[in-house]
Amino acid sequence: SHSASQAQKSIETFPADVALLDIRLGNDNGISLINGLKCRKPDLVCILVTAYAELDSVVGAIHEGAYDYLRKPLNALILFATLARSFDQLRNEREKRQSQIALAKSEARYRELVETAQDVIFRCGSDLCVTFINPVCEELFGYQPCEIIGKPFSVFQDAPIAVKDRHVFEQVLHGESLHGYETFLLSKDQQRVY
């Protein structure tokens, strides 16, 4: 495009990933065009091309979101290396976004499983204070999760069982395996729940 307005119209229909912008676009300024293009296509990588590599212009371009700048006359090797880095960045950003989407979906599925499980699922810190418990605790123990979270696990046990469980938890914290261990907690009305 030979002007800022042509470039903004072109970006609407042309599937560009990278834009090479001259600092001088007729009567327009390539630096001021960066923001407008990125508003229309946020992932667009803008590379400024200039024969006038004044520090203020370069800094201004970077502040506006330019990925890099190249000096005229263009050196083909430098241009191709810059474009290769640009496409690498685009690929990395897309992969990152896809990973974030996949992670969010996975976390949502996990959260749904944990929150709808009919068994108690809880987590304790190294101090054996409860840091998480799923909502079924209210049905099984009579406690709201907020009544349990932050309290030591032992508050919800008989004293002898609490001592035994603390010993087992400490073994696990030190890297020992635990298989087939069962314990019980006391419900709000002091009934044992296995």
Protein backbone atom coordinates (compact mmCIF):
# COMPACT_ATOMS: atom_id res chain seq x y z
CA SER A 1 0.00 0.00 0.00
CA HIS A 2 1.12 3.53 -0.69
CA SER A 3 -0.78 5.24 2.13
CA ALA A 4 -2.00 4.58 5.67
CA SER A 5 -5.64 4.48 4.58
CA GLN A 6 -4.87 1.92 1.84
CA ALA A 7 -2.93 -0.20 4.32
CA GLN A 8 -5.81 -0.16 6.82
CA LYS A 9 -8.27 -1.19 4.09
CA SER A 10 -5.91 -3.94 2.86
CA ILE A 11 -5.49 -5.48 6.30
CA GLU A 12 -9.28 -6.01 6.47
CA THR A 13 -9.24 -8.38 3.48
CA PHE A 14 -5.65 -9.58 3.07
CA PRO A 15 -4.62 -12.35 5.51
CA ALA A 16 -1.25 -10.83 6.42
CA ASP A 17 0.81 -12.09 9.34
CA VAL A 18 3.67 -9.62 8.90
CA ALA A 19 3.61 -6.02 7.68
CA LEU A 20 6.67 -4.19 6.41
CA LEU A 21 5.99 -0.50 7.04
CA ASP A 22 8.01 2.36 5.63
CA ILE A 23 8.46 5.18 8.09
CA ARG A 24 7.34 7.50 5.29
CA LEU A 25 4.09 6.50 3.59
CA GLY A 26 3.35 9.41 1.27
CA ASN A 27 2.01 12.08 3.59
CA ASP A 28 1.51 9.53 6.38
CA ASN A 29 3.81 8.12 9.01
CA GLY A 30 4.38 4.36 9.23
CA ILE A 31 4.86 4.56 12.99
CA SER A 32 1.39 5.99 13.59
CA LEU A 33 -0.06 3.26 11.35
CA ILE A 34 1.17 0.44 13.63
CA ASN A 35 -1.49 0.96 16.30
CA GLY A 36 -4.32 1.13 13.77
CA LEU A 37 -3.21 -2.08 12.06
CA LYS A 38 -2.78 -3.91 15.36
CA CYS A 39 -6.26 -2.81 16.45
CA ARG A 40 -7.66 -4.54 13.37
CA LYS A 41 -5.34 -7.54 13.61
CA PRO A 42 -3.72 -7.86 17.07
CA ASP A 43 -1.34 -10.66 16.08
CA LEU A 44 0.12 -8.72 13.17
CA VAL A 45 3.91 -8.41 13.35
CA CYS A 46 4.98 -4.96 12.18
CA ILE A 47 8.50 -4.36 10.94
CA LEU A 48 9.50 -0.77 10.27
CA VAL A 49 11.62 -0.04 7.21
CA THR A 50 13.47 3.25 7.15
CA ALA A 51 16.34 5.06 5.54
CA TYR A 52 16.23 7.47 8.50
CA ALA A 53 17.28 5.43 11.52
CA GLU A 54 16.94 8.22 14.03
CA LEU A 55 16.89 6.93 17.58
CA ASP A 56 13.62 8.75 18.41
CA SER A 57 11.89 7.14 15.42
CA VAL A 58 13.12 3.67 16.32
CA VAL A 59 12.13 4.04 19.98
CA GLY A 60 8.75 5.45 18.95
CA ALA A 61 8.15 2.50 16.62
CA ILE A 62 9.02 -0.04 19.31
CA HIS A 63 6.74 1.76 21.79
CA GLU A 64 3.90 1.59 19.26
CA GLY A 65 4.37 -2.15 18.94
CA ALA A 66 6.84 -2.64 16.09
CA TYR A 67 8.62 -5.97 16.27
CA ASP A 68 11.82 -4.73 14.64
CA TYR A 69 13.18 -2.16 12.23
CA LEU A 70 15.31 -2.49 9.13
CA ARG A 71 17.47 0.11 7.40
CA LYS A 72 17.29 0.87 3.72
CA PRO A 73 18.69 -0.21 1.42
CA LEU A 74 17.42 -3.60 2.53
CA ASN A 75 19.93 -6.39 2.87
CA ALA A 76 18.18 -9.58 1.70
CA LEU A 77 19.88 -11.80 4.30
CA ILE A 78 18.90 -9.49 7.16
CA LEU A 79 15.34 -9.19 5.78
CA PHE A 80 14.93 -12.97 5.53
CA ALA A 81 16.41 -13.52 9.00
CA THR A 82 14.04 -10.90 10.47
CA LEU A 83 11.06 -12.46 8.69
CA ALA A 84 12.08 -15.92 9.94
CA ARG A 85 12.19 -14.60 13.54
CA SER A 86 8.82 -12.93 12.99
CA PHE A 87 7.22 -16.16 11.81
CA ASP A 88 8.82 -18.03 14.71
CA GLN A 89 7.28 -15.52 17.11
CA LEU A 90 3.88 -15.90 15.46
CA ARG A 91 4.10 -19.68 15.66
CA ASN A 92 5.15 -19.52 19.32
CA GLU A 93 2.30 -17.14 20.16
CA ARG A 94 -0.25 -19.38 18.43
CA GLU A 95 1.08 -22.46 20.19
CA LYS A 96 1.00 -20.61 23.51
CA ARG A 97 -2.62 -19.55 22.91
CA GLN A 98 -3.61 -23.10 21.94
CA SER A 99 -1.90 -24.45 25.05
CA GLN A 100 -3.68 -21.88 27.24
CA ILE A 101 -7.04 -22.82 25.70
CA ALA A 102 -6.34 -26.55 26.18
CA LEU A 103 -5.22 -25.91 29.77
CA ALA A 104 -8.36 -23.87 30.53
CA LYS A 105 -10.56 -26.67 29.14
CA SER A 106 -8.66 -29.29 31.11
CA GLU A 107 -8.89 -27.25 34.31
CA ALA A 108 -12.63 -26.77 33.78
CA ARG A 109 -13.14 -30.54 33.34
CA TYR A 110 -10.99 -31.27 36.39
CA ARG A 111 -12.81 -28.66 38.47
CA GLU A 112 -16.17 -30.14 37.45
CA LEU A 113 -15.01 -33.66 38.37
CA VAL A 114 -13.67 -32.54 41.74
CA GLU A 115 -16.66 -30.38 42.62
CA THR A 116 -19.24 -33.01 41.65
CA ALA A 117 -17.41 -36.06 43.09
CA GLN A 118 -19.34 -38.04 45.66
CA ASP A 119 -16.16 -38.73 47.64
CA VAL A 120 -14.27 -36.15 49.65
CA ILE A 121 -11.28 -34.72 47.83
CA PHE A 122 -9.06 -32.48 49.91
CA ARG A 123 -5.58 -31.02 49.95
CA CYS A 124 -3.41 -30.17 52.95
CA GLY A 125 -0.35 -27.99 53.15
CA SER A 126 2.87 -29.20 54.77
CA ASP A 127 1.49 -27.86 58.06
CA LEU A 128 -1.46 -30.29 57.62
CA CYS A 129 -3.94 -27.44 57.41
CA VAL A 130 -6.68 -28.01 54.85
CA THR A 131 -6.14 -25.80 51.80
CA PHE A 132 -8.97 -27.23 49.66
CA ILE A 133 -11.97 -29.52 50.11
CA ASN A 134 -14.71 -30.23 47.61
CA PRO A 135 -18.37 -29.33 48.31
CA VAL A 136 -19.48 -32.91 49.13
CA CYS A 137 -17.99 -32.33 52.60
CA GLU A 138 -21.20 -30.57 53.58
CA GLU A 139 -23.30 -33.62 52.72
CA LEU A 140 -20.91 -36.10 54.34
CA PHE A 141 -19.64 -34.15 57.35
CA GLY A 142 -22.13 -31.33 57.83
CA TYR A 143 -19.44 -28.67 57.36
CA GLN A 144 -19.34 -25.99 54.68
CA PRO A 145 -15.96 -25.95 52.89
CA CYS A 146 -15.22 -22.52 54.42
CA GLU A 147 -15.57 -24.05 57.91
CA ILE A 148 -12.80 -26.56 57.13
CA ILE A 149 -10.35 -24.67 54.95
CA GLY A 150 -7.46 -23.19 56.92
CA LYS A 151 -7.94 -25.48 59.90
CA PRO A 152 -5.62 -28.35 60.85
CA PHE A 153 -6.80 -31.72 59.63
CA SER A 154 -6.60 -33.00 63.22
CA VAL A 155 -9.52 -30.76 64.31
CA PHE A 156 -11.82 -33.18 62.51
CA GLN A 157 -10.41 -36.37 64.11
CA ASP A 158 -10.18 -38.22 67.40
CA ALA A 159 -6.87 -37.46 69.12
CA PRO A 160 -5.33 -40.97 68.69
CA ILE A 161 -6.28 -41.07 64.99
CA ALA A 162 -4.91 -37.54 64.49
CA VAL A 163 -1.51 -38.60 65.89
CA LYS A 164 -1.43 -41.70 63.68
CA ASP A 165 -2.46 -39.72 60.56
CA ARG A 166 0.08 -36.99 61.27
CA HIS A 167 2.82 -39.63 61.35
CA VAL A 168 1.60 -41.08 58.03
CA PHE A 169 1.40 -37.63 56.40
CA GLU A 170 4.92 -36.82 57.54
CA GLN A 171 6.17 -40.03 55.96
CA VAL A 172 4.49 -39.05 52.68
CA LEU A 173 5.99 -35.54 52.91
CA HIS A 174 9.42 -37.18 53.17
CA GLY A 175 8.84 -39.13 49.96
CA GLU A 176 7.56 -42.46 51.24
CA SER A 177 4.80 -44.23 49.29
CA LEU A 178 1.35 -44.73 50.73
CA HIS A 179 -0.94 -47.54 49.58
CA GLY A 180 -4.26 -48.70 50.97
CA TYR A 181 -4.27 -46.41 53.99
CA GLU A 182 -7.69 -45.57 55.42
CA THR A 183 -8.69 -43.12 58.09
CA PHE A 184 -11.85 -41.44 59.27
CA LEU A 185 -12.99 -37.96 60.14
CA LEU A 186 -15.54 -36.70 62.61
CA SER A 187 -18.69 -35.10 61.28
CA LYS A 188 -20.08 -31.91 62.77
CA ASP A 189 -22.25 -34.05 65.08
CA GLN A 190 -19.11 -36.04 66.13
CA GLN A 191 -19.98 -39.20 64.16
CA ARG A 192 -17.16 -41.12 62.50
CA VAL A 193 -17.23 -40.91 58.71
CA TYR A 194 -15.02 -43.40 56.85
